[in-house]
């Protein structure tokens, strides 16, 4: 009969003695991998997919916030870049991947 400690600490066996179940060695590894997948990997993939959809749906007239904290209105969009109007007659070109959020219409005018 095994005790609770036997689950965490393997007992020493004499040479040639019968070894325990090999699945018992892999079970903790599978549990750890499952925990990493559901707690770290899967949420990151969902977040990355949502960001990719946000960037691909970017269009002229959207008001956006960049990762650097710049708030602006999109005036032009190309494959990899977008042009933002950040003040009257002031436009900058940014990489579309730096857009972190599309803000509600009117946010740029109120700021």
N, C-alpha and C. Protein backbone atom coordinates (compact mmCIF):
# COMPACT_ATOMS: atom_id res chain seq x y z
N UNK A 1 0.85 -1.18 0.00
CA UNK A 1 0.00 0.00 0.00
C UNK A 1 0.89 1.24 0.00
N UNK A 2 0.58 2.15 -0.91
CA UNK A 2 1.38 3.36 -1.01
C UNK A 2 0.80 4.45 -0.13
N UNK A 3 1.70 5.26 0.36
CA UNK A 3 1.26 6.40 1.14
C UNK A 3 1.28 7.64 0.25
N UNK A 4 0.81 8.73 0.78
CA UNK A 4 0.79 9.99 0.02
C UNK A 4 2.20 10.42 -0.35
N UNK A 5 3.15 10.20 0.53
CA UNK A 5 4.53 10.62 0.25
C UNK A 5 5.13 9.82 -0.91
N UNK A 6 4.66 8.59 -1.10
CA UNK A 6 5.17 7.79 -2.21
C UNK A 6 4.81 8.41 -3.57
N UNK A 7 3.78 9.20 -3.61
CA UNK A 7 3.42 9.85 -4.86
C UNK A 7 4.41 10.95 -5.22
N UNK A 8 5.01 11.57 -4.21
CA UNK A 8 5.93 12.68 -4.45
C UNK A 8 7.40 12.26 -4.41
N UNK A 9 7.71 11.26 -3.61
CA UNK A 9 9.09 10.80 -3.45
C UNK A 9 9.13 9.33 -3.82
N UNK A 10 9.95 9.01 -4.82
CA UNK A 10 10.03 7.61 -5.24
C UNK A 10 10.89 6.83 -4.25
N UNK A 11 10.50 5.62 -4.00
CA UNK A 11 11.25 4.77 -3.08
C UNK A 11 12.40 4.12 -3.83
N UNK A 12 13.49 3.86 -3.12
CA UNK A 12 14.65 3.23 -3.73
C UNK A 12 14.39 1.73 -3.84
N UNK A 13 14.66 1.18 -5.00
CA UNK A 13 14.48 -0.25 -5.23
C UNK A 13 15.84 -0.89 -5.43
N UNK A 14 15.97 -2.11 -4.99
CA UNK A 14 17.21 -2.85 -5.19
C UNK A 14 17.37 -3.15 -6.67
N UNK A 15 18.61 -3.39 -7.06
CA UNK A 15 18.88 -3.69 -8.45
C UNK A 15 18.15 -4.95 -8.86
N UNK A 16 17.47 -4.89 -9.99
CA UNK A 16 16.76 -6.05 -10.49
C UNK A 16 15.37 -6.21 -9.89
N UNK A 17 15.03 -5.37 -8.96
CA UNK A 17 13.69 -5.46 -8.37
C UNK A 17 12.67 -4.90 -9.37
N UNK A 18 11.45 -5.26 -9.16
CA UNK A 18 10.38 -4.82 -10.06
C UNK A 18 10.19 -3.31 -9.95
N UNK A 19 10.13 -2.66 -11.12
CA UNK A 19 9.94 -1.21 -11.16
C UNK A 19 8.45 -0.90 -11.13
N UNK A 20 8.12 0.35 -10.73
CA UNK A 20 6.72 0.77 -10.67
C UNK A 20 6.16 1.04 -12.05
N UNK A 21 4.97 1.50 -12.08
CA UNK A 21 4.27 1.81 -13.31
C UNK A 21 4.97 2.98 -14.03
N UNK A 22 5.40 2.81 -15.28
CA UNK A 22 6.08 3.90 -16.00
C UNK A 22 5.14 5.07 -16.28
N UNK A 23 3.83 4.83 -16.30
CA UNK A 23 2.87 5.91 -16.52
C UNK A 23 2.88 6.89 -15.34
N UNK A 24 3.23 6.41 -14.17
CA UNK A 24 3.30 7.26 -12.99
C UNK A 24 4.34 8.35 -13.12
N UNK A 25 5.35 8.13 -13.93
CA UNK A 25 6.38 9.14 -14.16
C UNK A 25 5.88 10.23 -15.10
N UNK A 26 5.11 9.85 -16.10
CA UNK A 26 4.65 10.80 -17.11
C UNK A 26 3.39 11.56 -16.70
N UNK A 27 2.65 11.04 -15.75
CA UNK A 27 1.42 11.69 -15.33
C UNK A 27 1.65 13.12 -14.82
N UNK A 28 2.60 13.36 -13.93
CA UNK A 28 2.82 14.76 -13.50
C UNK A 28 3.26 15.67 -14.64
N UNK A 29 4.03 15.15 -15.57
CA UNK A 29 4.45 15.96 -16.72
C UNK A 29 3.25 16.34 -17.59
N UNK A 30 2.34 15.40 -17.79
CA UNK A 30 1.14 15.69 -18.56
C UNK A 30 0.26 16.71 -17.86
N UNK A 31 0.15 16.60 -16.55
CA UNK A 31 -0.65 17.57 -15.79
C UNK A 31 -0.03 18.96 -15.88
N UNK A 32 1.28 19.06 -15.77
CA UNK A 32 1.96 20.35 -15.86
C UNK A 32 1.79 20.95 -17.26
N UNK A 33 1.96 20.12 -18.30
CA UNK A 33 1.79 20.61 -19.67
C UNK A 33 0.35 21.08 -19.89
N UNK A 34 -0.62 20.32 -19.39
CA UNK A 34 -2.03 20.71 -19.53
C UNK A 34 -2.30 22.04 -18.84
N UNK A 35 -1.73 22.22 -17.66
CA UNK A 35 -1.92 23.48 -16.93
C UNK A 35 -1.30 24.64 -17.71
N UNK A 36 -0.09 24.46 -18.24
CA UNK A 36 0.55 25.52 -19.04
C UNK A 36 -0.28 25.84 -20.27
N UNK A 37 -0.81 24.80 -20.91
CA UNK A 37 -1.59 25.02 -22.13
C UNK A 37 -2.83 25.86 -21.82
N UNK A 38 -3.59 25.46 -20.82
CA UNK A 38 -4.86 26.14 -20.54
C UNK A 38 -4.68 27.48 -19.82
N UNK A 39 -3.59 27.67 -19.09
CA UNK A 39 -3.40 28.91 -18.37
C UNK A 39 -2.55 29.93 -19.11
N UNK A 40 -1.66 29.49 -20.00
CA UNK A 40 -0.75 30.41 -20.68
C UNK A 40 -0.87 30.40 -22.20
N UNK A 41 -0.76 29.25 -22.80
CA UNK A 41 -0.66 29.17 -24.26
C UNK A 41 -1.98 29.50 -24.94
N UNK A 42 -3.07 28.87 -24.51
CA UNK A 42 -4.37 29.08 -25.14
C UNK A 42 -4.85 30.52 -25.03
N UNK A 43 -4.80 31.16 -23.86
CA UNK A 43 -5.22 32.56 -23.80
C UNK A 43 -4.37 33.49 -24.67
N UNK A 44 -3.07 33.20 -24.77
CA UNK A 44 -2.20 34.03 -25.60
C UNK A 44 -2.58 33.89 -27.07
N UNK A 45 -2.92 32.68 -27.52
CA UNK A 45 -3.35 32.49 -28.91
C UNK A 45 -4.65 33.23 -29.19
N UNK A 46 -5.58 33.21 -28.23
CA UNK A 46 -6.83 33.93 -28.41
C UNK A 46 -6.59 35.43 -28.51
N UNK A 47 -5.72 35.94 -27.65
CA UNK A 47 -5.40 37.37 -27.66
C UNK A 47 -4.73 37.75 -28.98
N UNK A 48 -3.82 36.93 -29.46
CA UNK A 48 -3.12 37.20 -30.71
C UNK A 48 -4.09 37.17 -31.89
N UNK A 49 -5.02 36.23 -31.89
CA UNK A 49 -6.00 36.13 -32.96
C UNK A 49 -6.91 37.37 -32.96
N UNK A 50 -7.34 37.81 -31.78
CA UNK A 50 -8.20 39.00 -31.69
C UNK A 50 -7.46 40.24 -32.19
N UNK A 51 -6.16 40.37 -31.87
CA UNK A 51 -5.37 41.51 -32.33
C UNK A 51 -5.21 41.48 -33.84
N UNK A 52 -4.98 40.31 -34.39
CA UNK A 52 -4.83 40.17 -35.84
C UNK A 52 -6.12 40.59 -36.55
N UNK A 53 -7.26 40.17 -36.01
CA UNK A 53 -8.55 40.57 -36.59
C UNK A 53 -8.76 42.08 -36.48
N UNK A 54 -8.37 42.67 -35.35
CA UNK A 54 -8.50 44.11 -35.16
C UNK A 54 -7.68 44.87 -36.19
N UNK A 55 -6.45 44.43 -36.40
CA UNK A 55 -5.55 45.11 -37.34
C UNK A 55 -6.04 44.94 -38.78
N UNK A 56 -6.55 43.77 -39.12
CA UNK A 56 -7.00 43.55 -40.50
C UNK A 56 -8.30 44.31 -40.80
N UNK A 57 -9.09 44.62 -39.77
CA UNK A 57 -10.35 45.33 -39.97
C UNK A 57 -10.17 46.85 -39.91
N UNK A 58 -8.95 47.32 -39.76
CA UNK A 58 -8.69 48.76 -39.66
C UNK A 58 -9.09 49.45 -40.95
N UNK A 59 -9.82 50.56 -40.83
CA UNK A 59 -10.24 51.29 -42.02
C UNK A 59 -10.16 52.79 -41.78
N UNK A 60 -10.24 53.54 -42.85
CA UNK A 60 -10.18 55.00 -42.78
C UNK A 60 -11.36 55.52 -41.94
N UNK A 61 -11.05 56.46 -41.05
CA UNK A 61 -12.08 57.03 -40.20
C UNK A 61 -12.11 56.44 -38.80
N UNK A 62 -11.47 55.28 -38.60
CA UNK A 62 -11.41 54.69 -37.26
C UNK A 62 -10.54 55.55 -36.36
N UNK A 63 -10.90 55.60 -35.10
CA UNK A 63 -10.08 56.29 -34.10
C UNK A 63 -9.39 55.23 -33.29
N UNK A 64 -8.06 55.32 -33.19
CA UNK A 64 -7.28 54.25 -32.58
C UNK A 64 -6.32 54.77 -31.52
N UNK A 65 -5.91 53.85 -30.69
CA UNK A 65 -4.88 54.10 -29.69
C UNK A 65 -3.73 53.15 -29.98
N UNK A 66 -2.51 53.68 -30.08
CA UNK A 66 -1.36 52.83 -30.38
C UNK A 66 -0.74 52.31 -29.09
N UNK A 67 0.16 51.36 -29.24
CA UNK A 67 0.86 50.80 -28.08
C UNK A 67 1.71 51.85 -27.39
N UNK A 68 2.12 52.88 -28.11
CA UNK A 68 2.91 53.96 -27.54
C UNK A 68 2.07 55.03 -26.87
N UNK A 69 0.73 54.88 -26.93
CA UNK A 69 -0.15 55.83 -26.28
C UNK A 69 -0.59 56.98 -27.16
N UNK A 70 -0.38 56.88 -28.45
CA UNK A 70 -0.79 57.95 -29.37
C UNK A 70 -2.23 57.71 -29.79
N UNK A 71 -3.04 58.74 -29.65
CA UNK A 71 -4.44 58.68 -30.04
C UNK A 71 -4.58 59.43 -31.36
N UNK A 72 -5.23 58.80 -32.33
CA UNK A 72 -5.37 59.46 -33.62
C UNK A 72 -6.49 58.88 -34.44
N UNK A 73 -6.74 59.56 -35.56
CA UNK A 73 -7.78 59.14 -36.50
C UNK A 73 -7.09 58.61 -37.75
N UNK A 74 -7.49 57.44 -38.20
CA UNK A 74 -6.88 56.81 -39.37
C UNK A 74 -7.32 57.56 -40.62
N UNK A 75 -6.34 58.01 -41.41
CA UNK A 75 -6.65 58.71 -42.66
C UNK A 75 -6.32 57.88 -43.89
N UNK A 76 -5.44 56.90 -43.74
CA UNK A 76 -5.09 56.02 -44.86
C UNK A 76 -4.59 54.70 -44.30
N UNK A 77 -4.84 53.64 -45.06
CA UNK A 77 -4.42 52.30 -44.64
C UNK A 77 -3.78 51.59 -45.83
N UNK A 78 -2.61 51.00 -45.61
CA UNK A 78 -1.98 50.15 -46.63
C UNK A 78 -1.81 48.76 -46.03
N UNK A 79 -1.06 47.92 -46.70
CA UNK A 79 -0.93 46.53 -46.24
C UNK A 79 -0.30 46.43 -44.85
N UNK A 80 0.78 47.18 -44.60
CA UNK A 80 1.49 47.09 -43.33
C UNK A 80 1.45 48.38 -42.51
N UNK A 81 1.03 49.48 -43.11
CA UNK A 81 1.10 50.77 -42.44
C UNK A 81 -0.26 51.47 -42.44
N UNK A 82 -0.41 52.37 -41.49
CA UNK A 82 -1.59 53.23 -41.43
C UNK A 82 -1.12 54.65 -41.17
N UNK A 83 -1.83 55.61 -41.69
CA UNK A 83 -1.51 57.01 -41.45
C UNK A 83 -2.52 57.55 -40.46
N UNK A 84 -2.01 58.17 -39.39
CA UNK A 84 -2.87 58.72 -38.35
C UNK A 84 -2.79 60.23 -38.36
N UNK A 85 -3.93 60.87 -38.19
CA UNK A 85 -3.96 62.30 -37.97
C UNK A 85 -4.01 62.48 -36.46
N UNK A 86 -2.95 63.08 -35.88
CA UNK A 86 -2.88 63.24 -34.43
C UNK A 86 -3.18 64.66 -33.98
N UNK A 87 -3.21 65.59 -34.92
CA UNK A 87 -3.60 66.99 -34.65
C UNK A 87 -3.96 67.60 -36.00
N UNK A 88 -4.45 68.83 -36.00
CA UNK A 88 -4.79 69.48 -37.27
C UNK A 88 -3.54 69.58 -38.14
N UNK A 89 -3.63 69.06 -39.35
CA UNK A 89 -2.55 69.07 -40.34
C UNK A 89 -1.28 68.37 -39.87
N UNK A 90 -1.38 67.44 -38.91
CA UNK A 90 -0.23 66.65 -38.45
C UNK A 90 -0.58 65.18 -38.61
N UNK A 91 0.14 64.51 -39.50
CA UNK A 91 -0.10 63.09 -39.75
C UNK A 91 1.20 62.32 -39.53
N UNK A 92 1.06 61.12 -39.01
CA UNK A 92 2.22 60.23 -38.85
C UNK A 92 1.87 58.88 -39.45
N UNK A 93 2.89 58.18 -39.88
CA UNK A 93 2.71 56.84 -40.43
C UNK A 93 3.19 55.84 -39.39
N UNK A 94 2.35 54.86 -39.08
CA UNK A 94 2.68 53.84 -38.08
C UNK A 94 2.51 52.45 -38.69
N UNK A 95 3.13 51.48 -38.05
CA UNK A 95 2.87 50.09 -38.43
C UNK A 95 1.51 49.71 -37.88
N UNK A 96 0.73 49.00 -38.67
CA UNK A 96 -0.61 48.62 -38.22
C UNK A 96 -0.56 47.73 -36.99
N UNK A 97 0.50 46.97 -36.82
CA UNK A 97 0.59 46.06 -35.68
C UNK A 97 0.74 46.79 -34.35
N UNK A 98 1.08 48.10 -34.38
CA UNK A 98 1.21 48.84 -33.13
C UNK A 98 -0.12 49.37 -32.61
N UNK A 99 -1.19 49.20 -33.37
CA UNK A 99 -2.51 49.63 -32.92
C UNK A 99 -2.95 48.67 -31.82
N UNK A 100 -3.25 49.21 -30.64
CA UNK A 100 -3.65 48.35 -29.53
C UNK A 100 -5.15 48.32 -29.34
N UNK A 101 -5.86 49.38 -29.75
CA UNK A 101 -7.31 49.39 -29.57
C UNK A 101 -7.96 50.38 -30.53
N UNK A 102 -9.16 50.05 -30.93
CA UNK A 102 -10.00 50.99 -31.67
C UNK A 102 -10.93 51.60 -30.62
N UNK A 103 -10.88 52.92 -30.49
CA UNK A 103 -11.67 53.61 -29.46
C UNK A 103 -12.99 54.08 -30.09
N UNK A 104 -13.99 54.38 -29.26
CA UNK A 104 -15.28 54.85 -29.79
C UNK A 104 -15.15 56.17 -30.56
N UNK A 105 -16.01 56.33 -31.54
CA UNK A 105 -16.02 57.56 -32.34
C UNK A 105 -16.24 58.76 -31.43
N UNK A 106 -15.51 59.84 -31.69
CA UNK A 106 -15.63 61.05 -30.90
C UNK A 106 -14.58 61.17 -29.80
N UNK A 107 -13.88 60.10 -29.51
CA UNK A 107 -12.85 60.14 -28.47
C UNK A 107 -11.71 61.07 -28.87
N UNK A 108 -11.34 61.02 -30.15
CA UNK A 108 -10.23 61.86 -30.63
C UNK A 108 -10.59 63.34 -30.53
N UNK A 109 -11.83 63.69 -30.86
CA UNK A 109 -12.24 65.10 -30.82
C UNK A 109 -12.35 65.61 -29.39
N UNK A 110 -12.68 64.75 -28.44
CA UNK A 110 -12.82 65.16 -27.05
C UNK A 110 -11.49 65.27 -26.32
N UNK A 111 -10.47 64.59 -26.83
CA UNK A 111 -9.16 64.57 -26.14
C UNK A 111 -8.41 65.86 -26.32
